[in-house]
Amino acid sequence: MRSLVRYIAVTAVTAGFVWAIVFFGERPLLNQVVVPRPGTRLPFYIADFMSAAAFGVWASAAGSFFWFLFARWISGVVDWRSSGKRSIWAVLGVLTVAVCTVYGFYYVPIAESGGAIAYTLFLVNSSLIYYMSTTLASPPSYKYTPYGARTLRIF
């Protein structure tokens, strides 16, 4: 139970941090860089971006929560050295990030210029949430499964 509470706390902090980056950093950046196609006004483009970014935050949190459920209750591993589930962690991460990026690609209208930055931001945001929440809050039997977890996990 304690690891579930810690997981929820880490995921919430990570998602809040990424959402703050989206709201205070990426939105002003897109205001300066993106030139929408004729017929699409920039405020509507930014609103679509923010909606897709919110979906990405929630979907990445859901994907990392699925990893937590798998690691904690579905898989019966008690020692992290014998878990050997790094490929499952990576595939789940790639699927989560792909869903978020593809959703953003189809939901946000194509821009004349600067659209690649928006799609790159979808990729970075979803990757950051999935990676940080699974690295810092995986259950004890999987705590070193994510790449770089030995370096980043200090508690």
N, C-alpha and C. Protein backbone atom coordinates (compact mmCIF):
# COMPACT_ATOMS: atom_id res chain seq x y z
N MET A 1 0.82 -1.19 0.00
CA MET A 1 0.00 0.00 0.00
C MET A 1 0.87 1.26 0.00
N ARG A 2 1.97 1.20 0.75
CA ARG A 2 2.85 2.35 0.83
C ARG A 2 3.46 2.66 -0.54
N SER A 3 3.82 1.62 -1.30
CA SER A 3 4.40 1.86 -2.61
C SER A 3 3.37 2.42 -3.60
N LEU A 4 2.10 2.06 -3.43
CA LEU A 4 1.05 2.61 -4.28
C LEU A 4 0.87 4.10 -4.01
N VAL A 5 0.89 4.48 -2.75
CA VAL A 5 0.76 5.89 -2.39
C VAL A 5 1.96 6.67 -2.92
N ARG A 6 3.15 6.09 -2.78
CA ARG A 6 4.35 6.75 -3.29
C ARG A 6 4.28 6.87 -4.81
N TYR A 7 3.81 5.82 -5.47
CA TYR A 7 3.69 5.86 -6.92
C TYR A 7 2.73 6.97 -7.36
N ILE A 8 1.59 7.04 -6.73
CA ILE A 8 0.60 8.06 -7.08
C ILE A 8 1.18 9.46 -6.83
N ALA A 9 1.90 9.62 -5.73
CA ALA A 9 2.49 10.92 -5.43
C ALA A 9 3.55 11.31 -6.46
N VAL A 10 4.43 10.38 -6.81
CA VAL A 10 5.47 10.68 -7.79
C VAL A 10 4.88 10.97 -9.15
N THR A 11 3.88 10.19 -9.57
CA THR A 11 3.24 10.41 -10.86
C THR A 11 2.51 11.74 -10.88
N ALA A 12 1.83 12.08 -9.80
CA ALA A 12 1.11 13.35 -9.74
C ALA A 12 2.08 14.53 -9.80
N VAL A 13 3.19 14.44 -9.08
CA VAL A 13 4.17 15.52 -9.11
C VAL A 13 4.79 15.64 -10.50
N THR A 14 5.13 14.50 -11.11
CA THR A 14 5.72 14.53 -12.44
C THR A 14 4.73 15.10 -13.46
N ALA A 15 3.48 14.63 -13.41
CA ALA A 15 2.46 15.13 -14.34
C ALA A 15 2.22 16.62 -14.12
N GLY A 16 2.18 17.05 -12.86
CA GLY A 16 2.01 18.48 -12.58
C GLY A 16 3.17 19.31 -13.08
N PHE A 17 4.37 18.77 -12.93
CA PHE A 17 5.56 19.46 -13.42
C PHE A 17 5.52 19.59 -14.94
N VAL A 18 5.18 18.51 -15.63
CA VAL A 18 5.11 18.55 -17.09
C VAL A 18 3.98 19.47 -17.54
N TRP A 19 2.85 19.44 -16.83
CA TRP A 19 1.75 20.33 -17.21
C TRP A 19 2.15 21.79 -17.02
N ALA A 20 2.92 22.09 -15.99
CA ALA A 20 3.41 23.45 -15.79
C ALA A 20 4.35 23.85 -16.92
N ILE A 21 5.19 22.92 -17.36
CA ILE A 21 6.07 23.20 -18.49
C ILE A 21 5.25 23.48 -19.75
N VAL A 22 4.21 22.67 -19.97
CA VAL A 22 3.35 22.86 -21.13
C VAL A 22 2.67 24.22 -21.06
N PHE A 23 2.12 24.55 -19.92
CA PHE A 23 1.32 25.76 -19.80
C PHE A 23 2.18 27.03 -19.83
N PHE A 24 3.28 27.01 -19.08
CA PHE A 24 4.08 28.23 -18.95
C PHE A 24 5.25 28.32 -19.91
N GLY A 25 5.67 27.20 -20.50
CA GLY A 25 6.81 27.23 -21.40
C GLY A 25 6.48 26.95 -22.84
N GLU A 26 5.73 25.88 -23.07
CA GLU A 26 5.47 25.48 -24.45
C GLU A 26 4.42 26.34 -25.12
N ARG A 27 3.42 26.73 -24.38
CA ARG A 27 2.37 27.58 -24.98
C ARG A 27 2.93 28.90 -25.47
N PRO A 28 3.72 29.63 -24.66
CA PRO A 28 4.33 30.86 -25.20
C PRO A 28 5.30 30.59 -26.36
N LEU A 29 6.01 29.46 -26.30
CA LEU A 29 6.91 29.11 -27.40
C LEU A 29 6.13 28.90 -28.69
N LEU A 30 5.03 28.18 -28.60
CA LEU A 30 4.22 27.95 -29.80
C LEU A 30 3.60 29.24 -30.32
N ASN A 31 3.26 30.15 -29.42
CA ASN A 31 2.73 31.45 -29.85
C ASN A 31 3.73 32.20 -30.73
N GLN A 32 5.01 32.01 -30.47
CA GLN A 32 6.04 32.71 -31.22
C GLN A 32 6.49 31.97 -32.47
N VAL A 33 6.39 30.63 -32.46
CA VAL A 33 7.00 29.84 -33.52
C VAL A 33 6.01 29.34 -34.56
N VAL A 34 4.82 28.97 -34.14
CA VAL A 34 3.87 28.32 -35.04
C VAL A 34 3.14 29.34 -35.90
N VAL A 35 3.05 29.01 -37.18
CA VAL A 35 2.24 29.76 -38.13
C VAL A 35 1.21 28.77 -38.67
N PRO A 36 -0.06 28.89 -38.23
CA PRO A 36 -1.07 27.93 -38.70
C PRO A 36 -1.42 28.15 -40.17
N ARG A 37 -2.04 27.16 -40.74
CA ARG A 37 -2.49 27.25 -42.13
C ARG A 37 -3.60 28.30 -42.24
N PRO A 38 -3.81 28.82 -43.45
CA PRO A 38 -4.90 29.77 -43.63
C PRO A 38 -6.24 29.14 -43.23
N GLY A 39 -7.04 29.91 -42.55
CA GLY A 39 -8.32 29.42 -42.08
C GLY A 39 -8.29 28.95 -40.64
N THR A 40 -7.11 28.80 -40.07
CA THR A 40 -6.97 28.39 -38.67
C THR A 40 -6.31 29.53 -37.92
N ARG A 41 -6.97 30.00 -36.89
CA ARG A 41 -6.39 31.07 -36.08
C ARG A 41 -5.47 30.47 -35.03
N LEU A 42 -4.44 31.20 -34.68
CA LEU A 42 -3.43 30.72 -33.72
C LEU A 42 -4.03 30.36 -32.36
N PRO A 43 -4.96 31.16 -31.80
CA PRO A 43 -5.52 30.76 -30.50
C PRO A 43 -6.24 29.40 -30.55
N PHE A 44 -6.87 29.09 -31.68
CA PHE A 44 -7.53 27.80 -31.81
C PHE A 44 -6.50 26.68 -31.94
N TYR A 45 -5.41 26.97 -32.64
CA TYR A 45 -4.33 25.99 -32.75
C TYR A 45 -3.74 25.69 -31.37
N ILE A 46 -3.49 26.74 -30.60
CA ILE A 46 -2.93 26.57 -29.25
C ILE A 46 -3.92 25.83 -28.35
N ALA A 47 -5.21 26.12 -28.48
CA ALA A 47 -6.22 25.41 -27.68
C ALA A 47 -6.24 23.93 -28.03
N ASP A 48 -6.13 23.60 -29.31
CA ASP A 48 -6.07 22.19 -29.71
C ASP A 48 -4.80 21.54 -29.17
N PHE A 49 -3.69 22.26 -29.22
CA PHE A 49 -2.45 21.74 -28.67
C PHE A 49 -2.59 21.46 -27.18
N MET A 50 -3.18 22.39 -26.45
CA MET A 50 -3.33 22.20 -25.00
C MET A 50 -4.24 21.02 -24.68
N SER A 51 -5.29 20.83 -25.46
CA SER A 51 -6.18 19.68 -25.25
C SER A 51 -5.44 18.37 -25.52
N ALA A 52 -4.68 18.33 -26.59
CA ALA A 52 -3.91 17.13 -26.90
C ALA A 52 -2.81 16.91 -25.88
N ALA A 53 -2.21 17.98 -25.37
CA ALA A 53 -1.19 17.84 -24.33
C ALA A 53 -1.79 17.30 -23.04
N ALA A 54 -3.00 17.75 -22.71
CA ALA A 54 -3.67 17.21 -21.52
C ALA A 54 -3.96 15.72 -21.70
N PHE A 55 -4.39 15.33 -22.89
CA PHE A 55 -4.59 13.90 -23.15
C PHE A 55 -3.28 13.15 -22.98
N GLY A 56 -2.18 13.72 -23.48
CA GLY A 56 -0.88 13.07 -23.34
C GLY A 56 -0.44 12.91 -21.90
N VAL A 57 -0.72 13.91 -21.08
CA VAL A 57 -0.38 13.81 -19.65
C VAL A 57 -1.16 12.67 -19.01
N TRP A 58 -2.45 12.62 -19.26
CA TRP A 58 -3.28 11.57 -18.66
C TRP A 58 -2.94 10.18 -19.21
N ALA A 59 -2.71 10.09 -20.51
CA ALA A 59 -2.40 8.78 -21.11
C ALA A 59 -1.04 8.27 -20.63
N SER A 60 -0.07 9.16 -20.48
CA SER A 60 1.23 8.74 -19.98
C SER A 60 1.15 8.30 -18.52
N ALA A 61 0.37 9.01 -17.74
CA ALA A 61 0.16 8.60 -16.35
C ALA A 61 -0.54 7.24 -16.29
N ALA A 62 -1.50 7.02 -17.18
CA ALA A 62 -2.20 5.73 -17.22
C ALA A 62 -1.26 4.60 -17.65
N GLY A 63 -0.40 4.87 -18.63
CA GLY A 63 0.56 3.86 -19.05
C GLY A 63 1.54 3.49 -17.96
N SER A 64 2.02 4.48 -17.24
CA SER A 64 2.94 4.19 -16.15
C SER A 64 2.21 3.51 -14.99
N PHE A 65 0.94 3.83 -14.80
CA PHE A 65 0.17 3.14 -13.77
C PHE A 65 -0.05 1.68 -14.15
N PHE A 66 -0.25 1.41 -15.44
CA PHE A 66 -0.36 0.02 -15.88
C PHE A 66 0.93 -0.73 -15.61
N TRP A 67 2.09 -0.08 -15.82
CA TRP A 67 3.36 -0.71 -15.47
C TRP A 67 3.40 -1.03 -13.98
N PHE A 68 2.96 -0.10 -13.16
CA PHE A 68 2.96 -0.33 -11.72
C PHE A 68 2.06 -1.52 -11.37
N LEU A 69 0.87 -1.57 -11.95
CA LEU A 69 -0.03 -2.70 -11.68
C LEU A 69 0.58 -4.02 -12.13
N PHE A 70 1.19 -4.03 -13.31
CA PHE A 70 1.83 -5.23 -13.80
C PHE A 70 2.95 -5.67 -12.87
N ALA A 71 3.80 -4.73 -12.49
CA ALA A 71 4.96 -5.06 -11.66
C ALA A 71 4.56 -5.47 -10.25
N ARG A 72 3.51 -4.87 -9.75
CA ARG A 72 3.14 -5.11 -8.36
C ARG A 72 2.25 -6.34 -8.19
N TRP A 73 1.23 -6.49 -9.03
CA TRP A 73 0.25 -7.54 -8.76
C TRP A 73 0.13 -8.61 -9.84
N ILE A 74 0.49 -8.33 -11.07
CA ILE A 74 0.34 -9.34 -12.12
C ILE A 74 1.55 -10.27 -12.16
N SER A 75 2.74 -9.70 -12.14
CA SER A 75 3.96 -10.49 -12.18
C SER A 75 4.33 -10.93 -10.77
N GLY A 76 4.77 -12.15 -10.64
CA GLY A 76 5.06 -12.69 -9.31
C GLY A 76 6.54 -12.71 -8.97
N VAL A 77 7.23 -11.62 -9.18
CA VAL A 77 8.67 -11.55 -8.92
C VAL A 77 8.89 -10.92 -7.55
N VAL A 78 9.83 -11.49 -6.79
CA VAL A 78 10.14 -10.93 -5.48
C VAL A 78 11.55 -10.36 -5.40
N ASP A 79 12.40 -10.65 -6.37
CA ASP A 79 13.77 -10.15 -6.38
C ASP A 79 14.02 -9.39 -7.67
N TRP A 80 14.49 -8.16 -7.58
CA TRP A 80 14.64 -7.33 -8.77
C TRP A 80 15.68 -7.88 -9.73
N ARG A 81 16.68 -8.64 -9.24
CA ARG A 81 17.71 -9.17 -10.12
C ARG A 81 17.17 -10.23 -11.06
N SER A 82 16.11 -10.91 -10.64
CA SER A 82 15.57 -11.99 -11.47
C SER A 82 14.30 -11.57 -12.22
N SER A 83 13.97 -10.30 -12.19
CA SER A 83 12.72 -9.89 -12.83
C SER A 83 12.79 -10.02 -14.35
N GLY A 84 13.83 -9.49 -14.98
CA GLY A 84 14.00 -9.63 -16.42
C GLY A 84 12.85 -9.09 -17.26
N LYS A 85 12.21 -8.04 -16.82
CA LYS A 85 11.05 -7.50 -17.53
C LYS A 85 11.35 -6.16 -18.18
N ARG A 86 12.60 -5.88 -18.44
CA ARG A 86 12.96 -4.60 -19.04
C ARG A 86 12.33 -4.45 -20.42
N SER A 87 12.23 -5.54 -21.17
CA SER A 87 11.62 -5.44 -22.50
C SER A 87 10.14 -5.09 -22.40
N ILE A 88 9.44 -5.62 -21.41
CA ILE A 88 8.03 -5.27 -21.21
C ILE A 88 7.91 -3.80 -20.83
N TRP A 89 8.79 -3.33 -19.95
CA TRP A 89 8.79 -1.93 -19.56
C TRP A 89 9.03 -1.04 -20.78
N ALA A 90 9.99 -1.41 -21.63
CA ALA A 90 10.31 -0.60 -22.80
C ALA A 90 9.18 -0.61 -23.82
N VAL A 91 8.60 -1.79 -24.07
CA VAL A 91 7.51 -1.87 -25.04
C VAL A 91 6.30 -1.08 -24.56
N LEU A 92 5.97 -1.19 -23.28
CA LEU A 92 4.86 -0.41 -22.73
C LEU A 92 5.14 1.08 -22.83
N GLY A 93 6.37 1.48 -22.60
CA GLY A 93 6.73 2.89 -22.74
C GLY A 93 6.63 3.37 -24.17
N VAL A 94 7.11 2.58 -25.11
CA VAL A 94 7.02 2.96 -26.52
C VAL A 94 5.56 3.07 -26.95
N LEU A 95 4.73 2.12 -26.53
CA LEU A 95 3.31 2.17 -26.87
C LEU A 95 2.63 3.40 -26.28
N THR A 96 2.94 3.70 -25.03
CA THR A 96 2.35 4.87 -24.37
C THR A 96 2.75 6.15 -25.09
N VAL A 97 4.02 6.30 -25.37
CA VAL A 97 4.52 7.50 -26.04
C VAL A 97 3.95 7.58 -27.46
N ALA A 98 3.87 6.45 -28.14
CA ALA A 98 3.33 6.45 -29.50
C ALA A 98 1.87 6.87 -29.52
N VAL A 99 1.08 6.37 -28.58
CA VAL A 99 -0.34 6.75 -28.52
C VAL A 99 -0.46 8.26 -28.30
N CYS A 100 0.31 8.79 -27.38
CA CYS A 100 0.24 10.23 -27.10
C CYS A 100 0.68 11.07 -28.30
N THR A 101 1.75 10.66 -28.96
CA THR A 101 2.26 11.42 -30.09
C THR A 101 1.33 11.32 -31.30
N VAL A 102 0.83 10.13 -31.58
CA VAL A 102 -0.08 9.97 -32.72
C VAL A 102 -1.38 10.72 -32.47
N TYR A 103 -1.87 10.69 -31.24
CA TYR A 103 -3.08 11.46 -30.93
C TYR A 103 -2.84 12.95 -31.17
N GLY A 104 -1.71 13.45 -30.70
CA GLY A 104 -1.38 14.85 -30.93
C GLY A 104 -1.22 15.17 -32.40
N PHE A 105 -0.64 14.24 -33.16
CA PHE A 105 -0.46 14.44 -34.60
C PHE A 105 -1.79 14.55 -35.32
N TYR A 106 -2.75 13.72 -34.94
CA TYR A 106 -4.05 13.75 -35.62
C TYR A 106 -5.01 14.80 -35.05
N TYR A 107 -4.84 15.16 -33.80
CA TYR A 107 -5.78 16.09 -33.17
C TYR A 107 -5.42 17.54 -33.47
N VAL A 108 -4.14 17.85 -33.49
CA VAL A 108 -3.70 19.23 -33.71
C VAL A 108 -3.58 19.46 -35.21
N PRO A 109 -4.17 20.54 -35.73
CA PRO A 109 -4.11 20.78 -37.17
C PRO A 109 -2.67 20.99 -37.66
N ILE A 110 -2.48 20.71 -38.92
CA ILE A 110 -1.16 20.90 -39.52
C ILE A 110 -0.88 22.40 -39.63
N ALA A 111 0.35 22.77 -39.35
CA ALA A 111 0.74 24.18 -39.39
C ALA A 111 1.61 24.45 -40.61
N GLU A 112 1.63 25.69 -41.04
CA GLU A 112 2.51 26.09 -42.14
C GLU A 112 3.98 25.95 -41.72
N SER A 113 4.28 26.41 -40.52
CA SER A 113 5.63 26.25 -39.98
C SER A 113 5.54 26.12 -38.46
N GLY A 114 6.49 25.44 -37.89
CA GLY A 114 6.54 25.26 -36.44
C GLY A 114 5.75 24.08 -35.94
N GLY A 115 5.05 23.36 -36.80
CA GLY A 115 4.27 22.21 -36.35
C GLY A 115 5.12 21.08 -35.84
N ALA A 116 6.33 20.92 -36.38
CA ALA A 116 7.22 19.85 -35.93
C ALA A 116 7.60 20.03 -34.47
N ILE A 117 7.69 21.27 -34.04
CA ILE A 117 8.01 21.54 -32.64
C ILE A 117 6.88 21.04 -31.75
N ALA A 118 5.65 21.26 -32.15
CA ALA A 118 4.51 20.80 -31.35
C ALA A 118 4.52 19.28 -31.23
N TYR A 119 4.78 18.58 -32.33
CA TYR A 119 4.79 17.13 -32.29
C TYR A 119 5.97 16.60 -31.47
N THR A 120 7.09 17.30 -31.54
CA THR A 120 8.24 16.92 -30.72
C THR A 120 7.93 17.12 -29.25
N LEU A 121 7.20 18.16 -28.92
CA LEU A 121 6.83 18.41 -27.53
C LEU A 121 5.89 17.32 -27.01
N PHE A 122 4.99 16.82 -27.85
CA PHE A 122 4.15 15.69 -27.43
C PHE A 122 5.01 14.49 -27.08
N LEU A 123 6.00 14.21 -27.90
CA LEU A 123 6.89 13.09 -27.67
C LEU A 123 7.68 13.26 -26.37
N VAL A 124 8.24 14.43 -26.17
CA VAL A 124 9.05 14.68 -24.98
C VAL A 124 8.20 14.65 -23.71
N ASN A 125 7.03 15.27 -23.74
CA ASN A 125 6.18 15.32 -22.55
C ASN A 125 5.77 13.92 -22.10
N SER A 126 5.26 13.12 -23.03
CA SER A 126 4.80 11.78 -22.65
C SER A 126 5.97 10.90 -22.22
N SER A 127 7.11 11.04 -22.87
CA SER A 127 8.28 10.25 -22.48
C SER A 127 8.74 10.62 -21.08
N LEU A 128 8.74 11.90 -20.79
CA LEU A 128 9.19 12.36 -19.47
C LEU A 128 8.29 11.84 -18.36
N ILE A 129 7.00 11.90 -18.55
CA ILE A 129 6.08 11.42 -17.51
C ILE A 129 6.24 9.92 -17.31
N TYR A 130 6.24 9.15 -18.38
CA TYR A 130 6.37 7.69 -18.25
C TYR A 130 7.70 7.31 -17.61
N TYR A 131 8.78 7.90 -18.09
CA TYR A 131 10.09 7.53 -17.59
C TYR A 131 10.28 7.91 -16.12
N MET A 132 9.95 9.14 -15.78
CA MET A 132 10.19 9.58 -14.40
C MET A 132 9.32 8.84 -13.40
N SER A 133 8.05 8.63 -13.73
CA SER A 133 7.18 7.95 -12.77
C SER A 133 7.54 6.48 -12.63
N THR A 134 7.93 5.81 -13.71
CA THR A 134 8.30 4.40 -13.57
C THR A 134 9.69 4.24 -12.96
N THR A 135 10.57 5.19 -13.20
CA THR A 135 11.91 5.10 -12.64
C THR A 135 11.91 5.38 -11.15
N LEU A 136 11.19 6.38 -10.73
CA LEU A 136 11.24 6.79 -9.33
C LEU A 136 10.25 6.04 -8.44
N ALA A 137 9.27 5.36 -9.00
CA ALA A 137 8.25 4.77 -8.14
C ALA A 137 7.85 3.35 -8.54
N SER A 138 8.71 2.62 -9.22
CA SER A 138 8.39 1.22 -9.50
C SER A 138 8.40 0.43 -8.20
N PRO A 139 7.63 -0.65 -8.13
CA PRO A 139 7.64 -1.47 -6.92
C PRO A 139 9.05 -2.00 -6.63
N PRO A 140 9.31 -2.38 -5.39
CA PRO A 140 10.66 -2.81 -5.01
C PRO A 140 11.24 -3.94 -5.87
N SER A 141 10.42 -4.87 -6.31
CA SER A 141 10.96 -5.98 -7.11
C SER A 141 11.35 -5.54 -8.52
N TYR A 142 10.92 -4.36 -8.94
CA TYR A 142 11.25 -3.83 -10.26
C TYR A 142 11.93 -2.48 -10.21
N LYS A 143 12.46 -2.11 -9.08
CA LYS A 143 12.94 -0.75 -8.92
C LYS A 143 14.13 -0.40 -9.82
N TYR A 144 14.89 -1.38 -10.28
CA TYR A 144 16.01 -1.09 -11.16
C TYR A 144 15.76 -1.54 -12.60
N THR A 145 14.53 -1.84 -12.95
CA THR A 145 14.22 -2.26 -14.32
C THR A 145 14.38 -1.12 -15.32
N PRO A 146 13.85 0.09 -15.09
CA PRO A 146 14.03 1.18 -16.07
C PRO A 146 15.51 1.55 -16.21
N TYR A 147 15.90 1.89 -17.43
CA TYR A 147 17.27 2.32 -17.68
C TYR A 147 17.58 3.57 -16.86
N GLY A 148 18.72 3.57 -16.21
CA GLY A 148 19.14 4.72 -15.41
C GLY A 148 18.53 4.78 -14.03
N ALA A 149 17.78 3.76 -13.63
CA ALA A 149 17.11 3.80 -12.33
C ALA A 149 18.12 3.73 -11.18
N ARG A 150 19.21 3.06 -11.37
CA ARG A 150 20.22 2.99 -10.30
C ARG A 150 20.79 4.35 -10.01
N THR A 151 20.88 5.19 -10.99
CA THR A 151 21.43 6.53 -10.81
C THR A 151 20.38 7.50 -10.27
N LEU A 152 19.15 7.41 -10.81
CA LEU A 152 18.12 8.38 -10.44
C LEU A 152 17.38 8.03 -9.16
N ARG A 153 17.29 6.77 -8.84
CA ARG A 153 16.49 6.37 -7.69
C ARG A 153 17.33 6.46 -6.43
N ILE A 154 17.07 7.45 -5.64
CA ILE A 154 17.87 7.70 -4.45
C ILE A 154 17.13 7.35 -3.16
N PHE A 155 15.88 6.93 -3.26
CA PHE A 155 15.14 6.57 -2.06
C PHE A 155 14.54 5.20 -2.21
